[in-house]
């Protein structure tokens, strides 16, 4: 049985890129199932210096964005 679903163009192009010529969209969607939970195995694995770097980059990006909104 098949079902029709509506997705955004961005989602379609993302899935199509992963799909390639060998897989179906169903294969891709099912392969992504549960991927989010896998992220938890990395929780706590970043060093404090890495976390600070991430925060620094995030702050720089926020500043850049705010400057663009004003201009």
Protein backbone atom coordinates (compact mmCIF):
# COMPACT_ATOMS: atom_id res chain seq x y z
CA UNK A 1 0.00 0.00 0.00
CA UNK A 2 1.23 3.51 -0.72
CA UNK A 3 0.25 6.90 0.68
CA UNK A 4 0.60 10.41 -0.71
CA UNK A 5 2.17 13.00 1.56
CA UNK A 6 2.90 16.70 1.18
CA UNK A 7 6.41 17.95 1.95
CA UNK A 8 8.21 21.22 1.33
CA UNK A 9 10.51 21.66 -1.66
CA UNK A 10 13.48 21.79 0.71
CA UNK A 11 12.48 18.46 2.27
CA UNK A 12 11.97 16.92 -1.17
CA UNK A 13 15.39 18.01 -2.42
CA UNK A 14 17.03 16.80 0.81
CA UNK A 15 15.44 13.35 0.48
CA UNK A 16 16.13 13.19 -3.26
CA UNK A 17 19.82 13.94 -2.67
CA UNK A 18 20.08 11.13 -0.11
CA UNK A 19 18.01 8.78 -2.27
CA UNK A 20 20.21 8.77 -5.34
CA UNK A 21 19.26 6.34 -8.09
CA UNK A 22 19.34 3.15 -6.04
CA UNK A 23 16.87 3.83 -3.19
CA UNK A 24 13.21 4.69 -2.97
CA UNK A 25 11.92 7.61 -0.94
CA UNK A 26 10.44 5.05 1.47
CA UNK A 27 13.88 3.49 1.93
CA UNK A 28 15.38 6.90 2.74
CA UNK A 29 12.64 7.85 5.21
CA UNK A 30 12.88 4.50 6.99
CA UNK A 31 16.68 4.78 7.16
CA UNK A 32 16.29 8.13 8.95
CA UNK A 33 13.88 6.64 11.49
CA UNK A 34 15.51 6.65 14.90
CA UNK A 35 18.54 8.70 13.82
CA UNK A 36 17.67 11.49 16.26
CA UNK A 37 17.98 9.14 19.24
CA UNK A 38 21.49 8.16 18.14
CA UNK A 39 22.68 11.70 18.90
CA UNK A 40 22.26 11.02 22.61
CA UNK A 41 25.18 8.59 22.63
CA UNK A 42 27.45 11.60 22.02
CA UNK A 43 26.01 13.68 24.86
CA UNK A 44 28.76 14.89 27.14
CA UNK A 45 31.53 13.94 24.73
CA UNK A 46 32.57 17.51 23.83
CA UNK A 47 35.46 19.09 25.67
CA UNK A 48 34.86 22.39 27.46
CA UNK A 49 37.11 24.17 24.91
CA UNK A 50 35.00 22.79 22.05
CA UNK A 51 31.82 24.02 23.72
CA UNK A 52 33.34 27.49 24.11
CA UNK A 53 34.29 27.50 20.41
CA UNK A 54 30.73 26.62 19.47
CA UNK A 55 29.41 29.41 21.68
CA UNK A 56 31.90 31.90 20.17
CA UNK A 57 30.85 31.02 16.62
CA UNK A 58 27.19 31.20 17.56
CA UNK A 59 27.66 34.65 19.09
CA UNK A 60 29.57 35.86 16.01
CA UNK A 61 26.79 34.60 13.75
CA UNK A 62 24.15 36.30 15.89
CA UNK A 63 26.08 39.60 15.77
CA UNK A 64 26.45 39.34 11.99
CA UNK A 65 22.73 38.63 11.61
CA UNK A 66 21.77 41.57 13.82
CA UNK A 67 23.99 43.90 11.78
CA UNK A 68 22.24 42.80 8.58
CA UNK A 69 18.79 43.44 10.03
CA UNK A 70 19.74 47.01 10.95
CA UNK A 71 21.34 47.84 7.59
